[in-house]
């Protein structure tokens, strides 16, 4: 599976080490580029639930506050929160470069974090779920919507045709010389 861009995922106010460990393991499995905590309520350390030992394979960042948080250039912060105003996850187009942040167990993202987010999405459910589970759903949705997979068939079961390889358009230039008379957008013709 080839996906362009990168993503990271983190938690504001994490209070349960095992849930954070599950999230970290899932992030490693889904190909996250980094993981982070913001103002954790407890020391996270190396939770036993992170059986892939993700801290050996991808950067972990810990920030004392929202104001201290620093993301890579052009990385768009996406909050995951169950609010009326949030975008339903199945209708959300994921940014190529994104950091997803979830709220603590039994709590919500702080007003400061919501303000820092460019987007806020929600998993369309009647109530909130475990943060590791919510994170896994968000990462799966990102992978499913941004990866190259065969189309789902109309009938039950798997695809009957493999994914067609990506085809690049013809080159317009070779050695600085235009190969054809085709004009680009906005140049007439």
N, C-alpha and C. Protein backbone atom coordinates (compact mmCIF):
# COMPACT_ATOMS: atom_id res chain seq x y z
N UNK A 1 0.86 -1.17 0.00
CA UNK A 1 0.00 0.00 0.00
C UNK A 1 0.90 1.23 0.00
N UNK A 2 0.66 2.12 -0.91
CA UNK A 2 1.43 3.35 -1.00
C UNK A 2 0.52 4.53 -0.72
N UNK A 3 0.85 5.28 0.32
CA UNK A 3 0.08 6.45 0.70
C UNK A 3 1.03 7.64 0.74
N UNK A 4 0.62 8.75 0.17
CA UNK A 4 1.43 9.95 0.22
C UNK A 4 1.18 10.69 1.52
N UNK A 5 2.16 11.50 1.90
CA UNK A 5 2.01 12.29 3.11
C UNK A 5 2.45 11.52 4.33
N UNK A 6 2.06 12.02 5.50
CA UNK A 6 2.40 11.40 6.76
C UNK A 6 1.34 11.77 7.79
N UNK A 7 1.36 11.08 8.93
CA UNK A 7 0.48 11.46 10.02
C UNK A 7 1.09 11.08 11.35
N UNK A 8 0.62 11.77 12.36
CA UNK A 8 0.94 11.44 13.74
C UNK A 8 -0.35 11.41 14.52
N UNK A 9 -0.31 10.82 15.69
CA UNK A 9 -1.52 10.76 16.51
C UNK A 9 -1.12 10.88 17.98
N UNK A 10 -1.97 11.56 18.75
CA UNK A 10 -1.65 11.77 20.15
C UNK A 10 -2.88 11.97 21.00
N UNK A 11 -2.61 12.19 22.29
CA UNK A 11 -3.67 12.33 23.28
C UNK A 11 -3.39 13.53 24.16
N UNK A 12 -4.42 14.31 24.42
CA UNK A 12 -4.33 15.38 25.40
C UNK A 12 -4.88 14.86 26.72
N UNK A 13 -4.09 15.01 27.79
CA UNK A 13 -4.55 14.62 29.12
C UNK A 13 -4.64 13.13 29.35
N UNK A 14 -3.82 12.33 28.68
CA UNK A 14 -3.87 10.87 28.85
C UNK A 14 -3.72 10.49 30.32
N UNK A 15 -4.59 9.58 30.77
CA UNK A 15 -4.55 9.17 32.17
C UNK A 15 -4.42 7.66 32.34
N UNK A 16 -4.54 6.91 31.26
CA UNK A 16 -4.46 5.45 31.36
C UNK A 16 -3.33 4.95 30.45
N UNK A 17 -2.25 4.51 31.08
CA UNK A 17 -1.06 4.07 30.35
C UNK A 17 -1.38 2.96 29.36
N UNK A 18 -2.20 2.00 29.75
CA UNK A 18 -2.49 0.86 28.89
C UNK A 18 -3.24 1.29 27.63
N UNK A 19 -4.17 2.23 27.76
CA UNK A 19 -4.88 2.73 26.58
C UNK A 19 -3.91 3.46 25.65
N UNK A 20 -3.01 4.26 26.22
CA UNK A 20 -2.03 4.94 25.38
C UNK A 20 -1.11 3.93 24.71
N UNK A 21 -0.73 2.88 25.41
CA UNK A 21 0.09 1.83 24.81
C UNK A 21 -0.60 1.15 23.65
N UNK A 22 -1.91 0.88 23.80
CA UNK A 22 -2.68 0.30 22.69
C UNK A 22 -2.73 1.25 21.51
N UNK A 23 -2.92 2.54 21.77
CA UNK A 23 -2.93 3.53 20.70
C UNK A 23 -1.58 3.57 19.99
N UNK A 24 -0.49 3.57 20.77
CA UNK A 24 0.85 3.61 20.19
C UNK A 24 1.11 2.39 19.32
N UNK A 25 0.72 1.21 19.79
CA UNK A 25 0.90 -0.02 19.00
C UNK A 25 0.11 0.06 17.70
N UNK A 26 -1.14 0.53 17.77
CA UNK A 26 -1.94 0.68 16.55
C UNK A 26 -1.33 1.70 15.61
N UNK A 27 -0.84 2.82 16.15
CA UNK A 27 -0.20 3.84 15.33
C UNK A 27 1.00 3.28 14.59
N UNK A 28 1.80 2.50 15.29
CA UNK A 28 2.96 1.85 14.66
C UNK A 28 2.48 0.93 13.54
N UNK A 29 1.46 0.14 13.80
CA UNK A 29 0.94 -0.79 12.80
C UNK A 29 0.35 -0.09 11.57
N UNK A 30 -0.28 1.05 11.77
CA UNK A 30 -0.88 1.80 10.67
C UNK A 30 0.12 2.71 9.96
N UNK A 31 1.37 2.72 10.42
CA UNK A 31 2.40 3.49 9.73
C UNK A 31 2.51 4.95 10.13
N UNK A 32 2.15 5.27 11.36
CA UNK A 32 2.28 6.65 11.82
C UNK A 32 3.74 7.08 11.76
N UNK A 33 3.95 8.38 11.58
CA UNK A 33 5.30 8.93 11.56
C UNK A 33 5.74 9.38 12.95
N UNK A 34 4.78 9.66 13.84
CA UNK A 34 5.11 10.06 15.20
C UNK A 34 3.88 9.92 16.07
N UNK A 35 4.11 9.95 17.39
CA UNK A 35 3.03 9.89 18.36
C UNK A 35 3.35 10.91 19.44
N UNK A 36 2.31 11.43 20.11
CA UNK A 36 2.57 12.49 21.09
C UNK A 36 1.54 12.50 22.21
N UNK A 37 1.95 13.15 23.32
CA UNK A 37 1.03 13.44 24.41
C UNK A 37 1.10 14.93 24.69
N UNK A 38 -0.01 15.47 25.14
CA UNK A 38 -0.07 16.87 25.56
C UNK A 38 -0.65 16.88 26.97
N UNK A 39 0.08 17.44 27.90
CA UNK A 39 -0.35 17.56 29.31
C UNK A 39 -0.90 16.24 29.84
N UNK A 40 -0.11 15.16 29.78
CA UNK A 40 -0.63 13.89 30.30
C UNK A 40 -0.89 13.98 31.80
N UNK A 41 -1.95 13.32 32.24
CA UNK A 41 -2.31 13.34 33.66
C UNK A 41 -1.39 12.44 34.47
N UNK A 42 -0.74 11.47 33.81
CA UNK A 42 0.18 10.54 34.47
C UNK A 42 1.40 10.34 33.59
N UNK A 43 2.46 9.85 34.18
CA UNK A 43 3.65 9.47 33.41
C UNK A 43 3.28 8.24 32.59
N UNK A 44 3.52 8.30 31.28
CA UNK A 44 3.13 7.21 30.39
C UNK A 44 4.19 6.12 30.36
N UNK A 45 5.44 6.48 30.26
CA UNK A 45 6.53 5.50 30.22
C UNK A 45 6.41 4.57 29.03
N UNK A 46 6.66 3.29 29.26
CA UNK A 46 6.61 2.26 28.21
C UNK A 46 5.55 1.23 28.60
N UNK A 47 4.28 1.49 28.27
CA UNK A 47 3.20 0.60 28.70
C UNK A 47 3.35 -0.82 28.15
N UNK A 48 3.01 -1.81 28.96
CA UNK A 48 3.08 -3.21 28.55
C UNK A 48 2.16 -3.50 27.37
N UNK A 49 1.10 -2.74 27.21
CA UNK A 49 0.16 -2.98 26.11
C UNK A 49 0.76 -2.62 24.75
N UNK A 50 1.87 -1.87 24.73
CA UNK A 50 2.55 -1.54 23.47
C UNK A 50 3.52 -2.67 23.15
N UNK A 51 2.97 -3.81 22.73
CA UNK A 51 3.78 -5.00 22.49
C UNK A 51 4.71 -4.87 21.29
N UNK A 52 4.48 -3.91 20.40
CA UNK A 52 5.40 -3.71 19.27
C UNK A 52 6.57 -2.80 19.64
N UNK A 53 6.52 -2.28 20.88
CA UNK A 53 7.55 -1.35 21.37
C UNK A 53 7.73 -0.19 20.39
N UNK A 54 6.64 0.47 20.10
CA UNK A 54 6.63 1.55 19.12
C UNK A 54 7.63 2.64 19.45
N UNK A 55 7.93 2.83 20.73
CA UNK A 55 8.88 3.87 21.12
C UNK A 55 10.29 3.59 20.58
N UNK A 56 10.55 2.38 20.12
CA UNK A 56 11.82 2.07 19.46
C UNK A 56 11.78 2.35 17.96
N UNK A 57 10.60 2.58 17.42
CA UNK A 57 10.44 2.65 15.96
C UNK A 57 9.92 3.98 15.42
N UNK A 58 9.32 4.80 16.27
CA UNK A 58 8.85 6.10 15.81
C UNK A 58 8.98 7.11 16.94
N UNK A 59 9.16 8.37 16.59
CA UNK A 59 9.34 9.39 17.63
C UNK A 59 8.10 9.56 18.50
N UNK A 60 8.33 9.71 19.80
CA UNK A 60 7.29 10.06 20.76
C UNK A 60 7.63 11.44 21.26
N UNK A 61 6.66 12.35 21.22
CA UNK A 61 6.84 13.71 21.73
C UNK A 61 5.90 13.91 22.90
N UNK A 62 6.37 14.64 23.90
CA UNK A 62 5.53 14.95 25.04
C UNK A 62 5.59 16.45 25.28
N UNK A 63 4.42 17.07 25.30
CA UNK A 63 4.32 18.52 25.49
C UNK A 63 3.58 18.80 26.79
N UNK A 64 4.06 19.79 27.53
CA UNK A 64 3.44 20.13 28.81
C UNK A 64 2.11 20.85 28.63
N UNK A 65 1.91 21.51 27.48
CA UNK A 65 0.68 22.26 27.25
C UNK A 65 0.41 22.38 25.76
N UNK A 66 -0.79 22.85 25.44
CA UNK A 66 -1.14 23.09 24.04
C UNK A 66 -0.23 24.16 23.46
N UNK A 67 0.07 25.19 24.22
CA UNK A 67 0.93 26.28 23.74
C UNK A 67 2.33 25.79 23.41
N UNK A 68 2.81 24.77 24.11
CA UNK A 68 4.16 24.23 23.89
C UNK A 68 4.22 23.29 22.68
N UNK A 69 3.07 22.78 22.26
CA UNK A 69 3.02 21.78 21.19
C UNK A 69 3.56 22.36 19.88
N UNK A 70 4.44 21.62 19.23
CA UNK A 70 4.98 22.01 17.93
C UNK A 70 4.82 20.85 16.95
N UNK A 71 4.25 21.14 15.81
CA UNK A 71 4.07 20.13 14.77
C UNK A 71 4.95 20.50 13.57
N UNK A 72 5.23 19.53 12.70
CA UNK A 72 6.01 19.85 11.51
C UNK A 72 5.32 20.93 10.66
N UNK A 73 6.11 21.64 9.85
CA UNK A 73 5.55 22.65 8.95
C UNK A 73 4.48 22.02 8.06
N UNK A 74 3.42 22.75 7.84
CA UNK A 74 2.30 22.32 6.98
C UNK A 74 1.55 21.09 7.49
N UNK A 75 1.74 20.74 8.75
CA UNK A 75 1.01 19.63 9.35
C UNK A 75 -0.29 20.21 9.91
N UNK A 76 -1.41 19.61 9.57
CA UNK A 76 -2.71 20.14 9.97
C UNK A 76 -3.25 19.34 11.16
N UNK A 77 -3.62 20.06 12.21
CA UNK A 77 -4.09 19.42 13.44
C UNK A 77 -5.58 19.10 13.32
N UNK A 78 -5.91 17.84 13.60
CA UNK A 78 -7.29 17.35 13.50
C UNK A 78 -7.70 16.81 14.87
N UNK A 79 -8.67 17.46 15.50
CA UNK A 79 -9.18 16.98 16.77
C UNK A 79 -10.22 15.89 16.55
N UNK A 80 -10.28 14.94 17.45
CA UNK A 80 -11.28 13.87 17.40
C UNK A 80 -12.12 14.05 18.65
N UNK A 81 -13.34 14.51 18.46
CA UNK A 81 -14.20 14.86 19.60
C UNK A 81 -15.67 14.69 19.20
N UNK A 82 -16.47 14.21 20.12
CA UNK A 82 -17.89 13.99 19.88
C UNK A 82 -18.65 15.27 20.20
N UNK A 83 -18.76 16.16 19.19
CA UNK A 83 -19.52 17.40 19.34
C UNK A 83 -20.49 17.53 18.16
N UNK A 84 -21.49 18.37 18.33
CA UNK A 84 -22.46 18.61 17.26
C UNK A 84 -21.81 19.21 16.02
N UNK A 85 -20.84 20.10 16.23
CA UNK A 85 -20.22 20.83 15.13
C UNK A 85 -19.18 20.02 14.38
N UNK A 86 -18.71 18.93 14.95
CA UNK A 86 -17.64 18.14 14.34
C UNK A 86 -18.10 17.50 13.03
N UNK A 87 -17.16 17.28 12.14
CA UNK A 87 -17.41 16.64 10.84
C UNK A 87 -17.49 15.13 11.06
N UNK A 88 -18.51 14.49 10.49
CA UNK A 88 -18.60 13.03 10.58
C UNK A 88 -17.40 12.42 9.87
N UNK A 89 -16.69 11.53 10.54
CA UNK A 89 -15.47 10.93 10.00
C UNK A 89 -15.66 10.33 8.60
N UNK A 90 -16.75 9.61 8.31
CA UNK A 90 -16.89 9.06 6.96
C UNK A 90 -17.01 10.12 5.86
N UNK A 91 -17.30 11.36 6.22
CA UNK A 91 -17.43 12.45 5.24
C UNK A 91 -16.20 13.35 5.19
N UNK A 92 -15.17 13.03 5.96
CA UNK A 92 -13.99 13.88 6.10
C UNK A 92 -12.90 13.49 5.10
N UNK A 93 -12.35 14.49 4.40
CA UNK A 93 -11.19 14.25 3.54
C UNK A 93 -9.95 14.52 4.37
N UNK A 94 -9.16 13.49 4.60
CA UNK A 94 -7.97 13.60 5.44
C UNK A 94 -6.89 14.43 4.74
N UNK A 95 -6.25 15.35 5.47
CA UNK A 95 -5.12 16.08 4.89
C UNK A 95 -3.95 15.13 4.65
N UNK A 96 -3.13 15.42 3.66
CA UNK A 96 -1.97 14.57 3.39
C UNK A 96 -1.01 14.57 4.57
N UNK A 97 -0.86 15.71 5.23
CA UNK A 97 0.04 15.85 6.38
C UNK A 97 -0.82 16.24 7.57
N UNK A 98 -0.99 15.30 8.51
CA UNK A 98 -1.94 15.54 9.60
C UNK A 98 -1.42 15.00 10.92
N UNK A 99 -1.87 15.63 11.99
CA UNK A 99 -1.70 15.12 13.35
C UNK A 99 -3.09 15.05 13.95
N UNK A 100 -3.47 13.89 14.45
CA UNK A 100 -4.77 13.68 15.06
C UNK A 100 -4.59 13.69 16.57
N UNK A 101 -5.49 14.38 17.27
CA UNK A 101 -5.40 14.43 18.73
C UNK A 101 -6.74 14.04 19.33
N UNK A 102 -6.68 13.14 20.30
CA UNK A 102 -7.86 12.65 21.00
C UNK A 102 -7.85 13.19 22.42
N UNK A 103 -9.02 13.25 23.01
CA UNK A 103 -9.14 13.69 24.39
C UNK A 103 -8.89 12.55 25.35
N UNK A 104 -8.82 12.85 26.64
CA UNK A 104 -8.55 11.83 27.65
C UNK A 104 -9.75 10.92 27.88
N UNK A 105 -9.48 9.79 28.51
CA UNK A 105 -10.56 8.89 28.89
C UNK A 105 -11.46 9.62 29.87
N UNK A 106 -12.75 9.56 29.66
CA UNK A 106 -13.70 10.20 30.56
C UNK A 106 -13.68 11.71 30.50
N UNK A 107 -13.15 12.27 29.41
CA UNK A 107 -13.08 13.73 29.28
C UNK A 107 -13.13 14.15 27.83
N UNK A 108 -12.84 15.40 27.61
CA UNK A 108 -12.90 15.97 26.26
C UNK A 108 -11.62 16.76 25.98
N UNK A 109 -11.44 17.11 24.73
CA UNK A 109 -10.35 18.01 24.37
C UNK A 109 -10.60 19.35 25.05
N UNK A 110 -9.54 20.01 25.49
CA UNK A 110 -9.67 21.31 26.14
C UNK A 110 -10.10 22.37 25.13
N UNK A 111 -10.70 23.45 25.59
CA UNK A 111 -11.04 24.54 24.67
C UNK A 111 -9.81 25.07 23.93
N UNK A 112 -8.65 25.08 24.60
CA UNK A 112 -7.41 25.54 23.95
C UNK A 112 -7.03 24.60 22.80
N UNK A 113 -7.19 23.29 23.00
CA UNK A 113 -6.86 22.33 21.95
C UNK A 113 -7.85 22.44 20.80
N UNK A 114 -9.13 22.55 21.12
CA UNK A 114 -10.14 22.71 20.06
C UNK A 114 -9.80 23.94 19.21
N UNK A 115 -9.41 25.02 19.87
CA UNK A 115 -9.04 26.26 19.16
C UNK A 115 -7.82 26.05 18.27
N UNK A 116 -6.88 25.21 18.70
CA UNK A 116 -5.67 24.95 17.92
C UNK A 116 -5.93 24.05 16.71
N UNK A 117 -7.03 23.30 16.74
CA UNK A 117 -7.33 22.36 15.65
C UNK A 117 -7.87 23.09 14.43
N UNK A 118 -7.40 22.69 13.27
CA UNK A 118 -7.94 23.22 12.03
C UNK A 118 -9.27 22.54 11.70
N UNK A 119 -9.37 21.26 12.06
CA UNK A 119 -10.59 20.48 11.84
C UNK A 119 -10.90 19.71 13.12
N UNK A 120 -12.19 19.43 13.33
CA UNK A 120 -12.61 18.53 14.40
C UNK A 120 -13.54 17.52 13.76
N UNK A 121 -13.23 16.24 13.97
CA UNK A 121 -14.04 15.17 13.41
C UNK A 121 -14.64 14.34 14.54
N UNK A 122 -15.70 13.63 14.20
CA UNK A 122 -16.31 12.73 15.19
C UNK A 122 -16.62 11.41 14.52
N UNK A 123 -16.53 10.37 15.31
CA UNK A 123 -16.96 9.05 14.88
C UNK A 123 -18.45 9.04 15.15
N UNK A 124 -19.29 8.85 14.13
CA UNK A 124 -20.74 8.97 14.35
C UNK A 124 -21.28 7.82 15.21
N UNK A 125 -21.30 8.07 16.51
CA UNK A 125 -21.77 7.08 17.49
C UNK A 125 -22.66 7.80 18.50
N UNK A 126 -23.38 7.03 19.25
CA UNK A 126 -24.28 7.60 20.26
C UNK A 126 -23.53 8.07 21.50
N UNK A 127 -22.33 7.52 21.76
CA UNK A 127 -21.54 7.91 22.93
C UNK A 127 -20.07 7.67 22.62
N UNK A 128 -19.20 8.20 23.46
CA UNK A 128 -17.77 8.07 23.21
C UNK A 128 -17.28 6.66 23.54
N UNK A 129 -16.15 6.32 22.94
CA UNK A 129 -15.56 4.99 23.15
C UNK A 129 -14.12 5.16 23.66
N UNK A 130 -13.51 4.07 24.03
CA UNK A 130 -12.14 4.01 24.48
C UNK A 130 -11.22 4.75 23.51
N UNK A 131 -10.28 5.54 24.02
CA UNK A 131 -9.45 6.37 23.15
C UNK A 131 -8.60 5.54 22.20
N UNK A 132 -8.11 4.38 22.61
CA UNK A 132 -7.31 3.55 21.71
C UNK A 132 -8.18 3.03 20.56
N UNK A 133 -9.40 2.67 20.86
CA UNK A 133 -10.33 2.21 19.82
C UNK A 133 -10.66 3.35 18.87
N UNK A 134 -10.95 4.53 19.41
CA UNK A 134 -11.27 5.69 18.56
C UNK A 134 -10.08 6.03 17.66
N UNK A 135 -8.88 5.99 18.22
CA UNK A 135 -7.69 6.27 17.41
C UNK A 135 -7.52 5.27 16.29
N UNK A 136 -7.75 3.99 16.58
CA UNK A 136 -7.63 2.95 15.56
C UNK A 136 -8.66 3.16 14.44
N UNK A 137 -9.87 3.57 14.81
CA UNK A 137 -10.90 3.82 13.79
C UNK A 137 -10.48 4.99 12.90
N UNK A 138 -9.95 6.05 13.49
CA UNK A 138 -9.51 7.22 12.70
C UNK A 138 -8.37 6.81 11.77
N UNK A 139 -7.40 6.05 12.27
CA UNK A 139 -6.28 5.63 11.43
C UNK A 139 -6.72 4.68 10.32
N UNK A 140 -7.66 3.79 10.63
CA UNK A 140 -8.19 2.91 9.60
C UNK A 140 -8.90 3.72 8.52
N UNK A 141 -9.70 4.69 8.93
CA UNK A 141 -10.41 5.52 7.96
C UNK A 141 -9.42 6.28 7.08
N UNK A 142 -8.35 6.78 7.67
CA UNK A 142 -7.31 7.47 6.89
C UNK A 142 -6.70 6.51 5.87
N UNK A 143 -6.31 5.33 6.33
CA UNK A 143 -5.71 4.34 5.42
C UNK A 143 -6.68 3.96 4.31
N UNK A 144 -7.90 3.73 4.67
CA UNK A 144 -8.91 3.28 3.69
C UNK A 144 -9.19 4.37 2.65
N UNK A 145 -9.25 5.62 3.10
CA UNK A 145 -9.60 6.69 2.17
C UNK A 145 -8.41 7.19 1.36
N UNK A 146 -7.18 7.01 1.86
CA UNK A 146 -6.02 7.55 1.16
C UNK A 146 -5.18 6.50 0.46
N UNK A 147 -5.36 5.23 0.81
CA UNK A 147 -4.58 4.17 0.19
C UNK A 147 -5.18 3.74 -1.14
N UNK A 148 -4.40 2.99 -1.89
CA UNK A 148 -4.91 2.46 -3.16
C UNK A 148 -5.38 1.03 -2.93
N UNK A 149 -6.69 0.86 -2.91
CA UNK A 149 -7.29 -0.45 -2.73
C UNK A 149 -8.23 -0.71 -3.88
N UNK A 150 -8.47 -1.97 -4.18
CA UNK A 150 -9.45 -2.33 -5.19
C UNK A 150 -10.82 -1.84 -4.74
N UNK A 151 -11.66 -1.49 -5.70
CA UNK A 151 -13.03 -1.07 -5.38
C UNK A 151 -13.78 -2.23 -4.75
N UNK A 152 -14.68 -1.91 -3.85
CA UNK A 152 -15.51 -2.95 -3.25
C UNK A 152 -16.48 -3.46 -4.31
N UNK A 153 -16.72 -4.76 -4.33
CA UNK A 153 -17.67 -5.30 -5.32
C UNK A 153 -19.11 -4.97 -4.93
N UNK A 154 -19.99 -5.08 -5.88
CA UNK A 154 -21.41 -4.84 -5.63
C UNK A 154 -21.98 -5.98 -4.78
N UNK A 155 -21.53 -7.20 -5.03
CA UNK A 155 -22.02 -8.35 -4.25
C UNK A 155 -21.11 -8.59 -3.06
N UNK A 156 -21.56 -9.40 -2.12
CA UNK A 156 -20.77 -9.71 -0.93
C UNK A 156 -19.47 -10.40 -1.31
N UNK A 157 -18.42 -10.13 -0.57
CA UNK A 157 -17.12 -10.77 -0.82
C UNK A 157 -16.07 -9.77 -1.21
N UNK A 158 -14.95 -10.28 -1.64
CA UNK A 158 -13.81 -9.44 -2.00
C UNK A 158 -13.84 -9.03 -3.46
N UNK A 159 -12.89 -8.19 -3.84
CA UNK A 159 -12.85 -7.69 -5.22
C UNK A 159 -12.53 -8.82 -6.20
N UNK A 160 -13.08 -8.71 -7.40
CA UNK A 160 -12.80 -9.71 -8.44
C UNK A 160 -11.67 -9.26 -9.35
N UNK A 161 -11.31 -7.98 -9.26
CA UNK A 161 -10.22 -7.45 -10.06
C UNK A 161 -9.21 -6.76 -9.15
N UNK A 162 -7.91 -6.94 -9.44
CA UNK A 162 -6.92 -6.26 -8.61
C UNK A 162 -6.90 -4.76 -8.89
N UNK A 163 -6.22 -4.03 -8.02
CA UNK A 163 -6.07 -2.59 -8.21
C UNK A 163 -5.29 -2.36 -9.49
N UNK A 164 -5.79 -1.45 -10.31
CA UNK A 164 -5.07 -1.11 -11.53
C UNK A 164 -3.86 -0.25 -11.17
N UNK A 165 -2.72 -0.50 -11.80
CA UNK A 165 -1.54 0.32 -11.46
C UNK A 165 -1.75 1.77 -11.86
N UNK A 166 -1.12 2.66 -11.11
CA UNK A 166 -1.21 4.08 -11.40
C UNK A 166 -0.50 4.35 -12.73
N UNK A 167 -1.12 5.16 -13.58
CA UNK A 167 -0.54 5.50 -14.87
C UNK A 167 -0.26 7.00 -14.88
N UNK A 168 0.99 7.33 -15.13
CA UNK A 168 1.36 8.74 -15.23
C UNK A 168 1.05 9.22 -16.64
N UNK A 169 0.74 10.49 -16.77
CA UNK A 169 0.50 11.06 -18.10
C UNK A 169 1.79 11.12 -18.91
N UNK A 170 1.63 11.39 -20.20
CA UNK A 170 2.80 11.50 -21.08
C UNK A 170 3.65 12.68 -20.66
N UNK A 171 4.96 12.56 -20.82
CA UNK A 171 5.80 13.73 -20.53
C UNK A 171 5.53 14.84 -21.54
N UNK A 172 5.51 16.07 -21.08
CA UNK A 172 5.32 17.21 -21.97
C UNK A 172 6.65 17.77 -22.46
N UNK A 173 7.70 17.54 -21.70
CA UNK A 173 9.01 18.08 -22.05
C UNK A 173 10.06 16.99 -21.95
N UNK A 174 11.08 17.08 -22.78
CA UNK A 174 12.26 16.23 -22.71
C UNK A 174 13.46 17.10 -23.03
N UNK A 175 14.40 17.18 -22.13
CA UNK A 175 15.58 18.01 -22.37
C UNK A 175 15.26 19.47 -22.55
N UNK A 176 14.18 19.94 -21.94
CA UNK A 176 13.80 21.35 -22.04
C UNK A 176 12.99 21.68 -23.29
N UNK A 177 12.71 20.69 -24.14
CA UNK A 177 11.97 20.91 -25.38
C UNK A 177 10.57 20.32 -25.25
N UNK A 178 9.56 21.10 -25.65
CA UNK A 178 8.17 20.64 -25.63
C UNK A 178 8.00 19.51 -26.64
N UNK A 179 7.37 18.39 -26.21
CA UNK A 179 7.21 17.22 -27.07
C UNK A 179 6.00 17.29 -27.98
N UNK A 180 5.02 18.11 -27.64
CA UNK A 180 3.82 18.18 -28.48
C UNK A 180 3.29 19.60 -28.45
N UNK A 181 2.22 19.82 -29.19
CA UNK A 181 1.58 21.13 -29.23
C UNK A 181 0.51 21.30 -28.16
N UNK A 182 0.37 20.29 -27.29
CA UNK A 182 -0.65 20.39 -26.23
C UNK A 182 -0.35 21.57 -25.35
N UNK A 183 -1.39 22.26 -24.96
CA UNK A 183 -1.25 23.43 -24.09
C UNK A 183 -1.76 23.07 -22.70
N UNK A 184 -1.14 23.67 -21.70
CA UNK A 184 -1.57 23.45 -20.33
C UNK A 184 -2.79 24.31 -20.03
N UNK A 185 -3.35 24.08 -18.88
CA UNK A 185 -4.52 24.81 -18.42
C UNK A 185 -4.23 26.31 -18.40
N UNK A 186 -5.14 27.11 -18.89
CA UNK A 186 -5.03 28.56 -18.83
C UNK A 186 -4.16 29.17 -19.93
N UNK A 187 -3.71 28.33 -20.89
CA UNK A 187 -2.87 28.85 -21.96
C UNK A 187 -3.58 28.88 -23.30
N UNK A 188 -4.87 28.68 -23.28
CA UNK A 188 -5.65 28.69 -24.53
C UNK A 188 -5.50 27.38 -25.27
N UNK A 189 -6.21 27.23 -26.37
CA UNK A 189 -6.09 26.05 -27.22
C UNK A 189 -6.78 24.92 -26.73
